[in-house]
PDB file of N, CA and C in Angstrom:
ATOM      1  N   UNK A   1     108.483 120.879 101.833  1.00  0.00           N
ATOM      2  CA  UNK A   1     108.346 120.712 103.544  1.00  0.00           C
ATOM      3  C   UNK A   1     109.387 119.312 103.286  1.00  0.00           C
ATOM      4  N   UNK A   2     109.272 118.322 104.986  1.00  0.00           N
ATOM      5  CA  UNK A   2     109.908 117.508 105.083  1.00  0.00           C
ATOM      6  C   UNK A   2     109.080 116.640 105.613  1.00  0.00           C
ATOM      7  N   UNK A   3     109.234 115.157 105.594  1.00  0.00           N
ATOM      8  CA  UNK A   3     108.835 114.278 104.645  1.00  0.00           C
ATOM      9  C   UNK A   3     109.413 113.014 105.866  1.00  0.00           C
ATOM     10  N   UNK A   4     108.661 112.438 106.608  1.00  0.00           N
ATOM     11  CA  UNK A   4     109.771 111.371 106.679  1.00  0.00           C
ATOM     12  C   UNK A   4     108.806 109.966 106.252  1.00  0.00           C
ATOM     13  N   UNK A   5     109.744 108.642 106.520  1.00  0.00           N
ATOM     14  CA  UNK A   5     109.612 107.477 105.978  1.00  0.00           C
ATOM     15  C   UNK A   5     109.615 106.113 107.635  1.00  0.00           C
ATOM     16  N   UNK A   6     108.758 105.575 107.793  1.00  0.00           N
ATOM     17  CA  UNK A   6     108.700 104.718 108.156  1.00  0.00           C
ATOM     18  C   UNK A   6     108.614 103.518 108.594  1.00  0.00           C
ATOM     19  N   UNK A   7     109.585 103.136 108.696  1.00  0.00           N
ATOM     20  CA  UNK A   7     110.040 101.352 108.143  1.00  0.00           C
ATOM     21  C   UNK A   7     109.668 100.796 109.464  1.00  0.00           C
ATOM     22  N   UNK A   8     108.253  99.277 108.727  1.00  0.00           N
ATOM     23  CA  UNK A   8     107.998  98.803 109.986  1.00  0.00           C
ATOM     24  C   UNK A   8     108.901  97.016 109.661  1.00  0.00           C
ATOM     25  N   UNK A   9     109.504  96.622 110.585  1.00  0.00           N
ATOM     26  CA  UNK A   9     110.496  95.479 110.019  1.00  0.00           C
ATOM     27  C   UNK A   9     110.673  94.661 110.654  1.00  0.00           C
ATOM     28  N   UNK A  10     110.728  92.881 109.939  1.00  0.00           N
ATOM     29  CA  UNK A  10     110.274  91.790 111.016  1.00  0.00           C
ATOM     30  C   UNK A  10     111.967  91.650 110.085  1.00  0.00           C
ATOM     31  N   UNK A  11     112.649  90.819 111.024  1.00  0.00           N
ATOM     32  CA  UNK A  11     113.715  90.273 110.295  1.00  0.00           C
ATOM     33  C   UNK A  11     113.417  88.920 110.790  1.00  0.00           C
ATOM     34  N   UNK A  12     113.894  88.627 110.040  1.00  0.00           N
ATOM     35  CA  UNK A  12     114.062  86.779 109.692  1.00  0.00           C
ATOM     36  C   UNK A  12     115.156  85.924 109.748  1.00  0.00           C
ATOM     37  N   UNK A  13     115.853  86.663 108.306  1.00  0.00           N
ATOM     38  CA  UNK A  13     117.710  86.630 108.809  1.00  0.00           C
ATOM     39  C   UNK A  13     118.764  87.618 109.163  1.00  0.00           C
ATOM     40  N   UNK A  14     119.271  87.499 110.503  1.00  0.00           N
ATOM     41  CA  UNK A  14     119.765  88.171 110.852  1.00  0.00           C
ATOM     42  C   UNK A  14     120.814  89.288 110.196  1.00  0.00           C
ATOM     43  N   UNK A  15     122.287  87.896 110.160  1.00  0.00           N
ATOM     44  CA  UNK A  15     123.376  87.800 109.620  1.00  0.00           C
ATOM     45  C   UNK A  15     122.997  88.744 107.463  1.00  0.00           C
ATOM     46  N   UNK A  16     121.847  87.975 107.253  1.00  0.00           N
ATOM     47  CA  UNK A  16     122.018  88.653 105.955  1.00  0.00           C
ATOM     48  C   UNK A  16     121.021  90.010 105.652  1.00  0.00           C
ATOM     49  N   UNK A  17     120.315  90.547 106.550  1.00  0.00           N
ATOM     50  CA  UNK A  17     120.102  91.653 106.738  1.00  0.00           C
ATOM     51  C   UNK A  17     120.719  92.405 106.788  1.00  0.00           C
ATOM     52  N   UNK A  18     121.862  91.749 108.271  1.00  0.00           N
ATOM     53  CA  UNK A  18     122.949  93.280 108.137  1.00  0.00           C
ATOM     54  C   UNK A  18     123.843  94.191 107.069  1.00  0.00           C
ATOM     55  N   UNK A  19     123.935  92.836 106.347  1.00  0.00           N
ATOM     56  CA  UNK A  19     124.744  93.068 104.787  1.00  0.00           C
ATOM     57  C   UNK A  19     123.641  94.470 104.410  1.00  0.00           C
ATOM     58  N   UNK A  20     122.387  94.998 104.201  1.00  0.00           N
ATOM     59  CA  UNK A  20     121.115  95.551 103.808  1.00  0.00           C
ATOM     60  C   UNK A  20     121.499  96.577 104.319  1.00  0.00           C
ATOM     61  N   UNK A  21     121.916  95.818 105.865  1.00  0.00           N
ATOM     62  CA  UNK A  21     122.136  97.247 106.328  1.00  0.00           C
ATOM     63  C   UNK A  21     123.287  98.575 106.519  1.00  0.00           C
ATOM     64  N   UNK A  22     124.023  97.852 106.542  1.00  0.00           N
ATOM     65  CA  UNK A  22     125.342  98.267 105.918  1.00  0.00           C
ATOM     66  C   UNK A  22     125.330  99.302 104.709  1.00  0.00           C
ATOM     67  N   UNK A  23     124.843  98.907 103.203  1.00  0.00           N
ATOM     68  CA  UNK A  23     124.404  99.231 102.433  1.00  0.00           C
ATOM     69  C   UNK A  23     123.344 100.332 101.786  1.00  0.00           C
ATOM     70  N   UNK A  24     122.373 100.859 103.063  1.00  0.00           N
ATOM     71  CA  UNK A  24     120.847 101.701 103.283  1.00  0.00           C
ATOM     72  C   UNK A  24     121.945 103.357 103.616  1.00  0.00           C
ATOM     73  N   UNK A  25     122.386 103.686 104.022  1.00  0.00           N
ATOM     74  CA  UNK A  25     122.993 104.165 104.850  1.00  0.00           C
ATOM     75  C   UNK A  25     123.446 105.908 103.652  1.00  0.00           C
ATOM     76  N   UNK A  26     124.250 104.699 102.408  1.00  0.00           N
ATOM     77  CA  UNK A  26     124.816 105.554 101.397  1.00  0.00           C
ATOM     78  C   UNK A  26     123.593 106.128 100.683  1.00  0.00           C
ATOM     79  N   UNK A  27     123.236 105.105  99.719  1.00  0.00           N
ATOM     80  CA  UNK A  27     121.263 105.151  99.224  1.00  0.00           C
ATOM     81  C   UNK A  27     120.553 106.573  99.973  1.00  0.00           C
ATOM     82  N   UNK A  28     120.697 106.801 100.821  1.00  0.00           N
ATOM     83  CA  UNK A  28     119.332 107.116 101.931  1.00  0.00           C
ATOM     84  C   UNK A  28     119.957 108.728 101.522  1.00  0.00           C
ATOM     85  N   UNK A  29     121.150 108.785 101.614  1.00  0.00           N
ATOM     86  CA  UNK A  29     122.191 109.520 101.816  1.00  0.00           C
ATOM     87  C   UNK A  29     121.879 110.640 100.713  1.00  0.00           C
ATOM     88  N   UNK A  30     122.318 109.831 100.082  1.00  0.00           N
ATOM     89  CA  UNK A  30     122.375 110.603  98.687  1.00  0.00           C
ATOM     90  C   UNK A  30     121.001 111.197  97.849  1.00  0.00           C
ATOM     91  N   UNK A  31     119.981 110.694  98.029  1.00  0.00           N
ATOM     92  CA  UNK A  31     118.347 111.553  98.324  1.00  0.00           C
ATOM     93  C   UNK A  31     118.329 112.505  99.229  1.00  0.00           C
ATOM     94  N   UNK A  32     119.511 112.998  99.821  1.00  0.00           N
ATOM     95  CA  UNK A  32     119.477 113.974 101.155  1.00  0.00           C
ATOM     96  C   UNK A  32     118.143 113.050 102.144  1.00  0.00           C
ATOM     97  N   UNK A  33     118.393 112.237 102.706  1.00  0.00           N
ATOM     98  CA  UNK A  33     117.690 111.424 103.552  1.00  0.00           C
ATOM     99  C   UNK A  33     118.373 111.432 104.835  1.00  0.00           C
ATOM    100  N   UNK A  34     118.150 111.425 105.706  1.00  0.00           N
ATOM    101  CA  UNK A  34     119.096 110.684 106.836  1.00  0.00           C
ATOM    102  C   UNK A  34     117.909 110.616 108.699  1.00  0.00           C
ATOM    103  N   UNK A  35     118.719 109.098 109.092  1.00  0.00           N
ATOM    104  CA  UNK A  35     117.884 108.578 109.812  1.00  0.00           C
ATOM    105  C   UNK A  35     117.590 109.266 111.225  1.00  0.00           C
ATOM    106  N   UNK A  36     116.782 109.223 111.823  1.00  0.00           N
ATOM    107  CA  UNK A  36     116.443 109.746 113.260  1.00  0.00           C
ATOM    108  C   UNK A  36     115.719 109.338 114.152  1.00  0.00           C
ATOM    109  N   UNK A  37     115.896 107.554 113.486  1.00  0.00           N
ATOM    110  CA  UNK A  37     115.672 106.635 114.620  1.00  0.00           C
ATOM    111  C   UNK A  37     115.783 105.295 113.596  1.00  0.00           C
ATOM    112  N   UNK A  38     116.524 104.121 114.419  1.00  0.00           N
ATOM    113  CA  UNK A  38     117.065 103.159 113.803  1.00  0.00           C
ATOM    114  C   UNK A  38     117.192 101.542 114.268  1.00  0.00           C
ATOM    115  N   UNK A  39     116.029 101.479 115.072  1.00  0.00           N
ATOM    116  CA  UNK A  39     115.819 100.401 114.832  1.00  0.00           C
ATOM    117  C   UNK A  39     116.174  99.967 117.175  1.00  0.00           C
ATOM    118  N   UNK A  40     116.718 101.280 117.755  1.00  0.00           N
ATOM    119  CA  UNK A  40     116.293 101.338 118.841  1.00  0.00           C
ATOM    120  C   UNK A  40     115.230 101.109 119.709  1.00  0.00           C
ATOM    121  N   UNK A  41     115.380 100.985 121.045  1.00  0.00           N
ATOM    122  CA  UNK A  41     114.394 100.428 122.079  1.00  0.00           C
ATOM    123  C   UNK A  41     112.961 101.296 122.017  1.00  0.00           C
ATOM    124  N   UNK A  42     111.682 100.337 121.385  1.00  0.00           N
ATOM    125  CA  UNK A  42     110.793 100.160 121.634  1.00  0.00           C
ATOM    126  C   UNK A  42     109.387 100.207 122.618  1.00  0.00           C
ATOM    127  N   UNK A  43     108.728 100.576 122.648  1.00  0.00           N
ATOM    128  CA  UNK A  43     107.515 100.853 123.632  1.00  0.00           C
ATOM    129  C   UNK A  43     105.966 101.130 123.414  1.00  0.00           C
ATOM    130  N   UNK A  44     105.285 100.663 123.541  1.00  0.00           N
ATOM    131  CA  UNK A  44     103.960 100.300 123.176  1.00  0.00           C
ATOM    132  C   UNK A  44     103.247 101.452 124.243  1.00  0.00           C
ATOM    133  N   UNK A  45     102.983 102.501 123.675  1.00  0.00           N
ATOM    134  CA  UNK A  45     102.237 102.867 124.654  1.00  0.00           C
ATOM    135  C   UNK A  45     100.781 103.283 124.799  1.00  0.00           C
ATOM    136  N   UNK A  46     100.402 102.394 123.170  1.00  0.00           N
ATOM    137  CA  UNK A  46      98.690 102.066 123.310  1.00  0.00           C
ATOM    138  C   UNK A  46      98.198 101.063 121.761  1.00  0.00           C
ATOM    139  N   UNK A  47      97.222 100.696 122.210  1.00  0.00           N
ATOM    140  CA  UNK A  47      97.293  99.733 120.722  1.00  0.00           C
ATOM    141  C   UNK A  47      97.559  98.170 120.593  1.00  0.00           C
ATOM    142  N   UNK A  48      97.724  97.330 119.718  1.00  0.00           N
ATOM    143  CA  UNK A  48      98.656  96.961 120.324  1.00  0.00           C
ATOM    144  C   UNK A  48      99.869  96.471 120.339  1.00  0.00           C
ATOM    145  N   UNK A  49     100.375  95.993 121.299  1.00  0.00           N
ATOM    146  CA  UNK A  49     102.420  95.793 120.857  1.00  0.00           C
ATOM    147  C   UNK A  49     102.826  95.470 119.506  1.00  0.00           C
ATOM    148  N   UNK A  50     103.852  96.542 119.653  1.00  0.00           N
ATOM    149  CA  UNK A  50     104.271  96.365 118.395  1.00  0.00           C
ATOM    150  C   UNK A  50     105.398  95.459 117.837  1.00  0.00           C
ATOM    151  N   UNK A  51     105.963  95.209 117.541  1.00  0.00           N
ATOM    152  CA  UNK A  51     106.681  93.961 117.095  1.00  0.00           C
ATOM    153  C   UNK A  51     107.630  94.275 116.549  1.00  0.00           C
ATOM    154  N   UNK A  52     108.866  94.015 116.147  1.00  0.00           N
ATOM    155  CA  UNK A  52     109.633  94.282 115.479  1.00  0.00           C
ATOM    156  C   UNK A  52     110.846  95.260 114.993  1.00  0.00           C
ATOM    157  N   UNK A  53     111.006  95.809 113.773  1.00  0.00           N
ATOM    158  CA  UNK A  53     112.228  97.533 114.334  1.00  0.00           C
ATOM    159  C   UNK A  53     111.848  98.295 113.551  1.00  0.00           C
ATOM    160  N   UNK A  54     112.154  99.134 114.230  1.00  0.00           N
ATOM    161  CA  UNK A  54     111.000 100.447 113.669  1.00  0.00           C
ATOM    162  C   UNK A  54     113.163 101.818 113.084  1.00  0.00           C
ATOM    163  N   UNK A  55     112.382 101.590 112.208  1.00  0.00           N
ATOM    164  CA  UNK A  55     113.067 103.480 111.683  1.00  0.00           C
ATOM    165  C   UNK A  55     112.857 104.038 111.019  1.00  0.00           C
ATOM    166  N   UNK A  56     112.911 105.390 111.178  1.00  0.00           N
ATOM    167  CA  UNK A  56     112.454 106.580 110.972  1.00  0.00           C
ATOM    168  C   UNK A  56     113.531 107.414 110.774  1.00  0.00           C
ATOM    169  N   UNK A  57     112.959 108.077 109.079  1.00  0.00           N
ATOM    170  CA  UNK A  57     113.561 108.925 108.381  1.00  0.00           C
ATOM    171  C   UNK A  57     113.412 110.288 108.166  1.00  0.00           C
ATOM    172  N   UNK A  58     113.986 111.282 108.055  1.00  0.00           N
ATOM    173  CA  UNK A  58     113.910 112.086 107.256  1.00  0.00           C
ATOM    174  C   UNK A  58     113.849 112.299 105.941  1.00  0.00           C
ATOM    175  N   UNK A  59     113.685 113.478 105.468  1.00  0.00           N
ATOM    176  CA  UNK A  59     113.524 113.613 103.649  1.00  0.00           C
ATOM    177  C   UNK A  59     113.439 114.868 103.428  1.00  0.00           C
ATOM    178  N   UNK A  60     114.459 115.520 102.866  1.00  0.00           N
ATOM    179  CA  UNK A  60     114.402 117.566 102.840  1.00  0.00           C
ATOM    180  C   UNK A  60     112.003 117.441 101.928  1.00  0.00           C
ATOM    181  N   UNK A  61     111.611 116.505 101.269  1.00  0.00           N
ATOM    182  CA  UNK A  61     110.496 116.186 100.825  1.00  0.00           C
ATOM    183  C   UNK A  61     109.908 115.349 100.922  1.00  0.00           C
ATOM    184  N   UNK A  62     108.640 114.937 100.556  1.00  0.00           N
ATOM    185  CA  UNK A  62     107.783 113.216 100.122  1.00  0.00           C
ATOM    186  C   UNK A  62     108.544 112.944  98.741  1.00  0.00           C
ATOM    187  N   UNK A  63     109.498 113.335  97.576  1.00  0.00           N
ATOM    188  CA  UNK A  63     109.416 113.509  96.262  1.00  0.00           C
ATOM    189  C   UNK A  63     110.930 112.544  96.378  1.00  0.00           C
ATOM    190  N   UNK A  64     111.632 113.366  97.368  1.00  0.00           N
ATOM    191  CA  UNK A  64     112.522 112.368  97.439  1.00  0.00           C
ATOM    192  C   UNK A  64     112.910 111.372  98.292  1.00  0.00           C
ATOM    193  N   UNK A  65     111.522 111.186  99.039  1.00  0.00           N
ATOM    194  CA  UNK A  65     111.614 109.907  99.837  1.00  0.00           C
ATOM    195  C   UNK A  65     111.088 109.356  99.389  1.00  0.00           C
ATOM    196  N   UNK A  66     110.006 109.244  98.241  1.00  0.00           N
ATOM    197  CA  UNK A  66     109.747 108.466  97.519  1.00  0.00           C
ATOM    198  C   UNK A  66     111.008 108.215  96.709  1.00  0.00           C
ATOM    199  N   UNK A  67     111.855 109.409  95.696  1.00  0.00           N
ATOM    200  CA  UNK A  67     112.258 108.830  94.121  1.00  0.00           C
ATOM    201  C   UNK A  67     113.913 107.501  95.781  1.00  0.00           C
ATOM    202  N   UNK A  68     113.793 107.747  96.734  1.00  0.00           N
ATOM    203  CA  UNK A  68     114.734 106.974  97.164  1.00  0.00           C
ATOM    204  C   UNK A  68     114.581 106.064  97.142  1.00  0.00           C
ATOM    205  N   UNK A  69     113.488 105.488  97.360  1.00  0.00           N
ATOM    206  CA  UNK A  69     112.442 103.609  97.844  1.00  0.00           C
ATOM    207  C   UNK A  69     112.174 103.507  95.667  1.00  0.00           C
ATOM    208  N   UNK A  70     112.128 103.923  95.235  1.00  0.00           N
ATOM    209  CA  UNK A  70     112.010 103.786  93.953  1.00  0.00           C
ATOM    210  C   UNK A  70     113.197 103.549  93.329  1.00  0.00           C
ATOM    211  N   UNK A  71     114.370 104.320  93.352  1.00  0.00           N
ATOM    212  CA  UNK A  71     115.875 104.248  92.543  1.00  0.00           C
ATOM    213  C   UNK A  71     116.554 102.440  92.456  1.00  0.00           C
ATOM    214  N   UNK A  72     117.090 103.120  91.621  1.00  0.00           N
ATOM    215  CA  UNK A  72     117.715 101.622  90.657  1.00  0.00           C
ATOM    216  C   UNK A  72     118.859 101.388  91.933  1.00  0.00           C
ATOM    217  N   UNK A  73     119.365 102.561  92.695  1.00  0.00           N
ATOM    218  CA  UNK A  73     120.284 102.036  93.325  1.00  0.00           C
ATOM    219  C   UNK A  73     119.453 101.596  95.042  1.00  0.00           C
ATOM    220  N   UNK A  74     118.319 102.152  95.027  1.00  0.00           N
ATOM    221  CA  UNK A  74     117.439 101.160  96.500  1.00  0.00           C
ATOM    222  C   UNK A  74     117.365  99.510  96.283  1.00  0.00           C
ATOM    223  N   UNK A  75     116.486  99.462  94.836  1.00  0.00           N
ATOM    224  CA  UNK A  75     116.193  98.716  94.592  1.00  0.00           C
ATOM    225  C   UNK A  75     117.344  97.426  94.317  1.00  0.00           C
ATOM    226  N   UNK A  76     119.123  97.489  94.211  1.00  0.00           N
ATOM    227  CA  UNK A  76     120.036  97.296  94.443  1.00  0.00           C
ATOM    228  C   UNK A  76     119.890  96.772  95.398  1.00  0.00           C
ATOM    229  N   UNK A  77     120.396  96.743  96.877  1.00  0.00           N
ATOM    230  CA  UNK A  77     120.175  97.253  98.263  1.00  0.00           C
ATOM    231  C   UNK A  77     119.367  96.189  98.722  1.00  0.00           C
ATOM    232  N   UNK A  78     117.542  96.455  97.916  1.00  0.00           N
ATOM    233  CA  UNK A  78     116.766  96.114  98.369  1.00  0.00           C
ATOM    234  C   UNK A  78     116.885  94.057  98.018  1.00  0.00           C
ATOM    235  N   UNK A  79     118.087  93.687  97.277  1.00  0.00           N
ATOM    236  CA  UNK A  79     118.404  92.667  96.860  1.00  0.00           C
ATOM    237  C   UNK A  79     118.595  92.193  98.578  1.00  0.00           C
ATOM    238  N   UNK A  80     119.800  92.517  99.417  1.00  0.00           N
ATOM    239  CA  UNK A  80     120.300  92.302 100.590  1.00  0.00           C
ATOM    240  C   UNK A  80     118.685  91.726 101.450  1.00  0.00           C
ATOM    241  N   UNK A  81     118.272  92.662 101.020  1.00  0.00           N
ATOM    242  CA  UNK A  81     116.838  92.633 102.548  1.00  0.00           C
ATOM    243  C   UNK A  81     116.013  91.135 102.060  1.00  0.00           C
ATOM    244  N   UNK A  82     115.535  91.423 100.720  1.00  0.00           N
ATOM    245  CA  UNK A  82     114.869  90.042 100.595  1.00  0.00           C
ATOM    246  C   UNK A  82     114.834  88.697 101.256  1.00  0.00           C
ATOM    247  N   UNK A  83     114.299  88.036 101.620  1.00  0.00           N
ATOM    248  CA  UNK A  83     114.270  86.852 102.230  1.00  0.00           C
ATOM    249  C   UNK A  83     115.195  86.508 103.573  1.00  0.00           C
ATOM    250  N   UNK A  84     115.399  88.414 103.810  1.00  0.00           N
ATOM    251  CA  UNK A  84     115.733  88.344 105.347  1.00  0.00           C
ATOM    252  C   UNK A  84     115.015  89.774 105.869  1.00  0.00           C
ATOM    253  N   UNK A  85     113.713  90.153 105.771  1.00  0.00           N
ATOM    254  CA  UNK A  85     113.214  90.162 106.425  1.00  0.00           C
ATOM    255  C   UNK A  85     111.335  90.961 105.651  1.00  0.00           C
ATOM    256  N   UNK A  86     110.232  91.258 106.200  1.00  0.00           N
ATOM    257  CA  UNK A  86     109.442  91.099 105.776  1.00  0.00           C
ATOM    258  C   UNK A  86     108.981  93.149 106.401  1.00  0.00           C
ATOM    259  N   UNK A  87     109.043  93.983 105.390  1.00  0.00           N
ATOM    260  CA  UNK A  87     109.212  95.123 105.754  1.00  0.00           C
ATOM    261  C   UNK A  87     107.843  96.013 105.208  1.00  0.00           C
ATOM    262  N   UNK A  88     107.044  96.818 106.172  1.00  0.00           N
ATOM    263  CA  UNK A  88     105.818  97.645 105.349  1.00  0.00           C
ATOM    264  C   UNK A  88     106.344  98.813 105.453  1.00  0.00           C
ATOM    265  N   UNK A  89     106.028 100.207 104.414  1.00  0.00           N
ATOM    266  CA  UNK A  89     107.244 100.853 104.641  1.00  0.00           C
ATOM    267  C   UNK A  89     106.525 102.308 103.939  1.00  0.00           C
ATOM    268  N   UNK A  90     106.108 103.706 105.021  1.00  0.00           N
ATOM    269  CA  UNK A  90     105.537 104.562 104.970  1.00  0.00           C
ATOM    270  C   UNK A  90     105.701 105.895 104.654  1.00  0.00           C
ATOM    271  N   UNK A  91     105.965 106.917 103.845  1.00  0.00           N
ATOM    272  CA  UNK A  91     106.590 107.682 103.829  1.00  0.00           C
ATOM    273  C   UNK A  91     104.533 108.965 103.475  1.00  0.00           C
ATOM    274  N   UNK A  92     104.905 109.521 104.827  1.00  0.00           N
ATOM    275  CA  UNK A  92     104.749 111.159 105.167  1.00  0.00           C
ATOM    276  C   UNK A  92     105.364 112.308 104.800  1.00  0.00           C
ATOM    277  N   UNK A  93     103.897 113.002 104.353  1.00  0.00           N
ATOM    278  CA  UNK A  93     104.184 114.475 104.479  1.00  0.00           C
ATOM    279  C   UNK A  93     104.639 115.193 106.307  1.00  0.00           C
ATOM    280  N   UNK A  94     105.576 115.467 106.451  1.00  0.00           N
ATOM    281  CA  UNK A  94     104.959 116.954 107.562  1.00  0.00           C
ATOM    282  C   UNK A  94     105.195 118.429 107.654  1.00  0.00           C
ATOM    283  N   UNK A  95     104.418 118.598 108.115  1.00  0.00           N
ATOM    284  CA  UNK A  95     103.279 119.885 108.678  1.00  0.00           C
ATOM    285  C   UNK A  95     104.780 121.420 109.406  1.00  0.00           C
TER     286      UNK A  95
END
């Protein structure tokens, strides 16, 4: 069953964060993931105004999604994000 990862990102250092965004696709694709949305225009339809960058990823399974972000490869890439952005990552199983 497919799973989705939603990232809510507040970028504080765009130059350093750009290094993170260059390196993440290889890690994500190695776990069968693909980007569905990556920081495009966001419109709040209801509730508090959304702030920052929104990223949506799709994986074949919830296990693959979790494994990706707990992997040594991601932990290495994550170092480029630390100090450049605050991020909330959520994984949800599809229907």
